[in-house]
Amino acid sequence: MSEKLAVVILNWNGKSWLEKFLPSVIRFSGKADIYIIDNLSTDDSIAYLEMQFPAVKIIRNDKNYGFAGGYNEGLKKVKAEYYCLLNSDVEVTENWIEPVLELFEKNPQISAIQPKILSFHNKEQFEFAGAGGGLIDNLGYPYCRGRVFDDLEEDKGQYDDEAEIFWASGCCFFIRSKDFWDHKGFDERFFAHQEEIDLCWRLINSGRKIYYTGKSKIYHVGGGTLNKQSAQKTYLNIRNNLSMMVKNLPFPKLVWLIFFRLCLDGVAGIYFGLKNGFPHLWAVVRAHFGFYAQLPGTLKLRGKNQIKNYYQSKYLIFKHFLG
């Protein structure tokens, strides 16, 4: 390994985000190497980077592989002991890296870590995508400390701890490179959304740990690629969540839970349709057909690590529901 840490930003037509936030990354990232993986952008992102930030290393993908595939492809060319996968719409802060590296060094069993994630637009409030660390309930729905559904808490120091969590947010995802490749990276079929939860679940099922540290903080805009209200985001979240459960849940819990979830998704589709319009109802229908289309491949990806007690974190407030 040539370097300790590589900060890696995936870009697709994100020049405006790079203009706004890359300077803070360069300023506060010390000796870390900084990479931009470009998913064949059609704007002038690359020309801008070459002119304004010649020290930043650029990796050019030959097409838009999405979030999951884009990182898998680009990271093949990054040599470091640790990766930090960072969204382009993130403002980092002074001393954001050191607490994470210290936690890695202190506990070799930790595979992935996320910092405290606050809203760029309201810096006293947690941000939707990760907040104070990701958890999952007994129906397979992800949530966070500091955020349940759309309800976000103010940051009053309640999550300034270091805690074991179930998943680390993809908007600022630190991981040991060895663990990333030993577990074959992200599932590229997901394209985007929940691929980091799936990877964390696979890591946990193999005996590794996921952590959060409140000693590091960042500010995230959110919705930089797909708005939270996007029907396509609804489609990807539901399809990928169902596939993730099939990959990682043990039998027989998997069978009844998938059936129950399909029923709940039907109800949710009606609600989404009434609240946000027909495209969101149709997105739920498409998600189910997408899940069925992926199912043969998903079943092949089930490994030998679907352990009986798949809820590993003592912080899961729903872990006794439906158990």
Protein backbone atom coordinates (compact mmCIF):
# COMPACT_ATOMS: atom_id res chain seq x y z
CA MET A 1 0.00 0.00 0.00
CA SER A 2 1.49 3.30 -1.02
CA GLU A 3 -0.70 5.57 1.14
CA LYS A 4 -2.63 5.41 4.39
CA LEU A 5 -5.84 7.09 3.18
CA ALA A 6 -7.36 7.96 -0.16
CA VAL A 7 -10.32 10.37 -0.23
CA VAL A 8 -12.28 9.38 -3.32
CA ILE A 9 -15.11 11.43 -4.82
CA LEU A 10 -17.35 10.01 -7.54
CA ASN A 11 -18.35 12.63 -10.09
CA TRP A 12 -20.94 12.76 -12.84
CA ASN A 13 -21.62 16.21 -14.27
CA GLY A 14 -20.95 17.68 -10.84
CA LYS A 15 -18.74 20.64 -11.63
CA SER A 16 -20.85 23.00 -9.48
CA TRP A 17 -20.47 20.71 -6.45
CA LEU A 18 -16.72 20.38 -7.00
CA GLU A 19 -16.38 24.17 -7.23
CA LYS A 20 -18.23 24.59 -3.96
CA PHE A 21 -16.89 21.77 -1.82
CA LEU A 22 -13.59 20.41 -3.15
CA PRO A 23 -11.58 23.30 -1.64
CA SER A 24 -12.64 22.28 1.89
CA VAL A 25 -11.67 18.66 1.17
CA ILE A 26 -8.22 19.71 0.00
CA ARG A 27 -7.77 22.14 2.89
CA PHE A 28 -8.67 19.71 5.68
CA SER A 29 -7.47 16.34 4.35
CA GLY A 30 -3.82 16.62 5.34
CA LYS A 31 -1.59 14.06 3.63
CA ALA A 32 -4.45 11.98 2.19
CA ASP A 33 -4.42 11.46 -1.56
CA ILE A 34 -7.50 12.93 -3.21
CA TYR A 35 -9.04 11.21 -6.21
CA ILE A 36 -11.94 12.07 -8.48
CA ILE A 37 -13.54 9.11 -10.25
CA ASP A 38 -15.43 10.50 -13.23
CA ASN A 39 -18.39 8.53 -14.61
CA LEU A 40 -17.97 9.88 -18.17
CA SER A 41 -19.31 13.36 -17.42
CA THR A 42 -20.60 15.46 -20.31
CA ASP A 43 -19.99 18.79 -18.60
CA ASP A 44 -16.52 20.34 -18.27
CA SER A 45 -15.77 18.83 -14.86
CA ILE A 46 -12.49 17.28 -15.97
CA ALA A 47 -11.17 20.41 -17.68
CA TYR A 48 -12.06 22.42 -14.59
CA LEU A 49 -10.25 19.99 -12.28
CA GLU A 50 -7.14 19.87 -14.45
CA MET A 51 -6.95 23.66 -14.52
CA GLN A 52 -7.86 24.48 -10.91
CA PHE A 53 -6.68 21.42 -8.94
CA PRO A 54 -3.76 19.79 -10.75
CA ALA A 55 -2.72 17.85 -7.62
CA VAL A 56 -6.02 15.95 -7.54
CA LYS A 57 -5.75 12.55 -9.20
CA ILE A 58 -8.40 11.89 -11.86
CA ILE A 59 -9.67 8.43 -12.82
CA ARG A 60 -11.81 8.31 -15.95
CA ASN A 61 -14.44 5.58 -16.20
CA ASP A 62 -15.46 4.67 -19.75
CA LYS A 63 -19.20 5.04 -19.00
CA ASN A 64 -21.62 6.01 -16.25
CA TYR A 65 -21.57 2.93 -14.01
CA GLY A 66 -23.78 4.51 -11.35
CA PHE A 67 -22.69 4.89 -7.73
CA ALA A 68 -21.99 1.22 -7.02
CA GLY A 69 -20.30 0.31 -10.27
CA GLY A 70 -18.55 3.67 -10.56
CA TYR A 71 -16.71 3.14 -7.30
CA ASN A 72 -16.00 -0.54 -8.00
CA GLU A 73 -14.45 0.34 -11.33
CA GLY A 74 -12.52 3.41 -10.22
CA LEU A 75 -11.19 2.02 -6.95
CA LYS A 76 -9.30 -0.67 -8.85
CA LYS A 77 -6.79 2.11 -9.58
CA VAL A 78 -6.55 3.46 -6.03
CA LYS A 79 -3.87 2.08 -3.69
CA ALA A 80 -4.38 2.88 -0.03
CA GLU A 81 -4.95 1.10 3.26
CA TYR A 82 -8.21 2.98 3.82
CA TYR A 83 -10.71 4.49 1.42
CA CYS A 84 -12.99 7.40 2.21
CA LEU A 85 -15.81 7.42 -0.32
CA LEU A 86 -17.11 10.98 -0.21
CA ASN A 87 -20.07 12.56 -1.99
CA SER A 88 -19.28 15.65 -4.03
CA ASP A 89 -21.95 17.67 -2.14
CA VAL A 90 -20.19 17.40 1.23
CA GLU A 91 -18.40 20.11 3.19
CA VAL A 92 -15.78 18.59 5.49
CA THR A 93 -14.42 20.22 8.64
CA GLU A 94 -11.09 20.57 10.37
CA ASN A 95 -9.95 17.33 12.03
CA TRP A 96 -12.57 15.22 10.24
CA ILE A 97 -10.12 12.44 9.32
CA GLU A 98 -7.99 11.91 12.45
CA PRO A 99 -10.71 10.48 14.76
CA VAL A 100 -11.69 7.96 12.11
CA LEU A 101 -8.16 6.70 11.56
CA GLU A 102 -7.60 6.51 15.33
CA LEU A 103 -10.73 4.36 15.68
CA PHE A 104 -9.57 2.04 12.89
CA GLU A 105 -6.16 1.66 14.52
CA LYS A 106 -7.68 1.06 17.96
CA ASN A 107 -10.00 -1.74 16.84
CA PRO A 108 -8.83 -4.02 13.97
CA GLN A 109 -12.27 -5.67 13.88
CA ILE A 110 -13.85 -2.49 12.52
CA SER A 111 -14.35 -2.52 8.75
CA ALA A 112 -16.25 0.71 8.05
CA ILE A 113 -16.85 4.01 9.85
CA GLN A 114 -18.99 7.08 9.28
CA PRO A 115 -18.74 10.52 10.92
CA LYS A 116 -21.56 12.66 12.29
CA ILE A 117 -23.53 13.89 9.27
CA LEU A 118 -25.24 17.27 9.64
CA SER A 119 -27.32 19.26 7.16
CA PHE A 120 -25.44 21.82 5.09
CA HIS A 121 -28.56 23.98 4.94
CA ASN A 122 -29.27 23.75 8.68
CA LYS A 123 -26.02 23.06 10.46
CA GLU A 124 -27.67 22.48 13.83
CA GLN A 125 -29.72 19.58 12.45
CA PHE A 126 -28.83 16.04 11.40
CA GLU A 127 -28.97 15.19 7.71
CA PHE A 128 -31.18 12.52 6.23
CA ALA A 129 -28.46 10.34 4.69
CA GLY A 130 -26.73 8.83 7.70
CA ALA A 131 -27.26 11.32 10.56
CA GLY A 132 -25.82 9.76 13.75
CA GLY A 133 -25.24 6.29 12.32
CA GLY A 134 -27.35 3.80 10.38
CA LEU A 135 -29.53 1.08 11.89
CA ILE A 136 -32.17 -1.32 10.53
CA ASP A 137 -35.45 -2.55 11.97
CA ASN A 138 -37.00 -6.02 12.02
CA LEU A 139 -38.79 -5.38 8.74
CA GLY A 140 -35.57 -4.49 6.97
CA TYR A 141 -36.24 -0.73 6.83
CA PRO A 142 -33.12 1.41 7.34
CA TYR A 143 -33.19 4.33 9.77
CA CYS A 144 -30.64 6.37 11.68
CA ARG A 145 -29.84 7.68 15.08
CA GLY A 146 -31.02 11.27 14.72
CA ARG A 147 -33.48 10.45 11.92
CA VAL A 148 -36.52 8.19 11.73
CA PHE A 149 -38.40 8.45 8.41
CA ASP A 150 -38.37 12.21 7.65
CA ASP A 151 -38.10 13.38 11.27
CA LEU A 152 -34.68 14.88 11.95
CA GLU A 153 -33.25 15.77 15.36
CA GLU A 154 -31.26 18.82 16.30
CA ASP A 155 -27.64 18.14 17.17
CA LYS A 156 -27.40 18.75 20.91
CA GLY A 157 -24.40 16.51 21.48
CA GLN A 158 -26.55 13.41 22.01
CA TYR A 159 -24.52 11.50 19.40
CA ASP A 160 -21.01 12.71 20.19
CA ASP A 161 -20.10 9.13 21.07
CA GLU A 162 -18.35 6.30 19.29
CA ALA A 163 -20.88 3.54 18.73
CA GLU A 164 -21.34 0.30 16.86
CA ILE A 165 -23.97 0.71 14.14
CA PHE A 166 -25.49 -1.46 11.42
CA TRP A 167 -24.57 0.60 8.36
CA ALA A 168 -22.38 3.57 7.51
CA SER A 169 -23.68 6.19 5.11
CA GLY A 170 -22.41 6.17 1.55
CA CYS A 171 -22.15 9.97 1.57
CA CYS A 172 -19.02 9.67 3.73
CA PHE A 173 -17.99 6.03 3.92
CA PHE A 174 -14.61 5.10 5.39
CA ILE A 175 -13.61 1.46 4.82
CA ARG A 176 -10.52 -0.70 4.95
CA SER A 177 -9.59 -1.40 1.34
CA LYS A 178 -8.90 -5.05 2.14
CA ASP A 179 -12.42 -5.53 3.51
CA PHE A 180 -13.91 -3.75 0.49
CA TRP A 181 -12.24 -6.10 -1.96
CA ASP A 182 -12.51 -9.25 0.18
CA HIS A 183 -16.30 -8.71 0.06
CA LYS A 184 -16.25 -7.85 -3.67
CA GLY A 185 -17.19 -4.22 -3.18
CA PHE A 186 -20.66 -2.88 -3.90
CA ASP A 187 -23.36 -4.87 -5.68
CA GLU A 188 -23.31 -3.18 -9.08
CA ARG A 189 -26.83 -4.34 -9.90
CA PHE A 190 -28.10 -1.80 -7.35
CA PHE A 191 -26.74 1.07 -9.50
CA ALA A 192 -27.39 3.50 -6.60
CA HIS A 193 -29.04 3.55 -3.15
CA GLN A 194 -28.61 1.06 -0.30
CA GLU A 195 -25.52 -0.54 -1.82
CA GLU A 196 -23.56 0.62 1.23
CA ILE A 197 -26.12 -0.99 3.58
CA ASP A 198 -25.84 -4.27 1.68
CA LEU A 199 -22.04 -4.18 1.93
CA CYS A 200 -22.17 -3.39 5.66
CA TRP A 201 -24.64 -6.25 6.18
CA ARG A 202 -22.29 -8.66 4.41
CA LEU A 203 -19.40 -7.41 6.54
CA ILE A 204 -21.40 -7.91 9.74
CA ASN A 205 -22.47 -11.38 8.67
CA SER A 206 -18.80 -12.28 8.28
CA GLY A 207 -17.98 -11.11 11.82
CA ARG A 208 -16.74 -7.60 11.08
CA LYS A 209 -17.98 -4.39 12.76
CA ILE A 210 -19.36 -1.05 11.54
CA TYR A 211 -18.84 2.07 13.64
CA TYR A 212 -19.84 5.71 14.01
CA THR A 213 -17.73 8.45 15.52
CA GLY A 214 -19.20 11.76 16.64
CA LYS A 215 -15.68 13.16 17.00
CA SER A 216 -15.69 13.77 13.25
CA LYS A 217 -18.39 15.79 11.47
CA ILE A 218 -19.31 16.81 7.97
CA TYR A 219 -22.13 18.81 6.35
CA HIS A 220 -24.12 17.19 3.54
CA VAL A 221 -26.41 18.93 1.05
CA GLY A 222 -28.27 15.74 0.08
CA GLY A 223 -30.23 15.09 -3.12
CA GLY A 224 -27.35 16.27 -5.28
CA THR A 225 -27.95 13.51 -7.83
CA LEU A 226 -31.51 12.37 -7.15
CA ASN A 227 -33.91 14.49 -5.12
CA LYS A 228 -35.45 12.84 -2.08
CA GLN A 229 -38.85 13.10 -3.80
CA SER A 230 -37.65 11.45 -7.03
CA ALA A 231 -39.77 8.54 -8.28
CA GLN A 232 -36.58 6.91 -9.55
CA LYS A 233 -35.17 7.07 -6.03
CA THR A 234 -38.33 5.40 -4.73
CA TYR A 235 -37.87 2.65 -7.32
CA LEU A 236 -34.20 2.04 -6.51
CA ASN A 237 -34.68 2.10 -2.74
CA ILE A 238 -37.52 -0.45 -2.76
CA ARG A 239 -35.99 -2.80 -5.35
CA ASN A 240 -32.56 -2.74 -3.75
CA ASN A 241 -33.89 -3.14 -0.22
CA LEU A 242 -35.78 -6.30 -1.17
CA SER A 243 -32.77 -7.75 -2.99
CA MET A 244 -30.54 -6.90 -0.04
CA MET A 245 -32.77 -8.84 2.35
CA VAL A 246 -32.77 -11.89 0.10
CA LYS A 247 -28.96 -11.80 -0.01
CA ASN A 248 -28.39 -11.39 3.70
CA LEU A 249 -31.30 -12.75 5.75
CA PRO A 250 -31.33 -16.31 7.13
CA PHE A 251 -34.08 -18.82 6.36
CA PRO A 252 -36.88 -19.22 7.44
CA LYS A 253 -37.24 -15.55 8.51
CA LEU A 254 -36.54 -14.48 4.95
CA VAL A 255 -39.63 -16.17 3.45
CA TRP A 256 -42.34 -14.66 5.62
CA LEU A 257 -40.60 -11.29 5.87
CA ILE A 258 -40.32 -10.85 2.11
CA PHE A 259 -44.00 -11.74 1.70
CA PHE A 260 -44.98 -9.28 4.44
CA ARG A 261 -42.79 -6.57 2.93
CA LEU A 262 -44.32 -6.99 -0.51
CA CYS A 263 -47.74 -6.42 1.08
CA LEU A 264 -46.52 -3.37 3.00
CA ASP A 265 -44.93 -1.96 -0.14
CA GLY A 266 -48.29 -2.21 -1.87
CA VAL A 267 -49.87 -0.09 0.85
CA ALA A 268 -46.91 2.31 0.72
CA GLY A 269 -47.32 2.61 -3.04
CA ILE A 270 -50.91 3.79 -2.64
CA TYR A 271 -49.78 6.30 -0.01
CA PHE A 272 -46.93 7.55 -2.21
CA GLY A 273 -49.32 7.85 -5.12
CA LEU A 274 -51.79 9.95 -3.13
CA LYS A 275 -49.05 12.09 -1.60
CA ASN A 276 -46.60 12.54 -4.49
CA GLY A 277 -48.51 11.50 -7.60
CA PHE A 278 -48.91 8.48 -9.88
CA PRO A 279 -45.20 8.21 -10.84
CA HIS A 280 -44.40 7.17 -7.26
CA LEU A 281 -47.12 4.52 -7.23
CA TRP A 282 -45.80 3.21 -10.53
CA ALA A 283 -42.25 3.29 -9.11
CA VAL A 284 -43.31 0.81 -6.41
CA VAL A 285 -44.83 -1.50 -9.03
CA ARG A 286 -41.70 -1.26 -11.17
CA ALA A 287 -39.54 -1.93 -8.11
CA HIS A 288 -41.32 -5.22 -7.45
CA PHE A 289 -40.91 -6.36 -11.04
CA GLY A 290 -37.27 -5.26 -10.89
CA PHE A 291 -36.82 -7.31 -7.73
CA TYR A 292 -38.33 -10.40 -9.40
CA ALA A 293 -36.08 -9.90 -12.44
CA GLN A 294 -33.01 -9.79 -10.19
CA LEU A 295 -34.10 -12.69 -8.00
CA PRO A 296 -32.22 -15.55 -9.75
CA GLY A 297 -28.98 -13.59 -9.57
CA THR A 298 -29.70 -12.48 -6.01
CA LEU A 299 -30.18 -16.07 -4.85
CA LYS A 300 -26.83 -17.00 -6.40
CA LEU A 301 -25.16 -14.23 -4.39
CA ARG A 302 -26.36 -15.58 -1.07
CA GLY A 303 -23.18 -16.66 0.64
CA LYS A 304 -22.54 -18.85 3.65
CA ASN A 305 -22.79 -16.02 6.15
CA GLN A 306 -26.56 -15.68 6.67
CA ILE A 307 -26.27 -16.09 10.42
CA LYS A 308 -29.22 -16.67 12.72
CA ASN A 309 -28.93 -13.45 14.70
CA TYR A 310 -28.49 -10.98 11.88
CA TYR A 311 -29.22 -7.96 14.09
CA GLN A 312 -25.81 -7.42 15.62
CA SER A 313 -26.14 -4.00 17.20
CA LYS A 314 -27.42 -3.53 20.74
CA TYR A 315 -28.64 -0.11 19.62
CA LEU A 316 -31.44 -1.55 17.45
CA ILE A 317 -34.55 -0.31 19.20
CA PHE A 318 -36.80 -2.56 17.13
CA LYS A 319 -34.78 -5.75 17.50
CA HIS A 320 -37.42 -7.52 19.66
CA PHE A 321 -40.33 -6.71 17.32
CA LEU A 322 -41.59 -9.69 15.35
CA GLY A 323 -38.52 -11.65 16.48
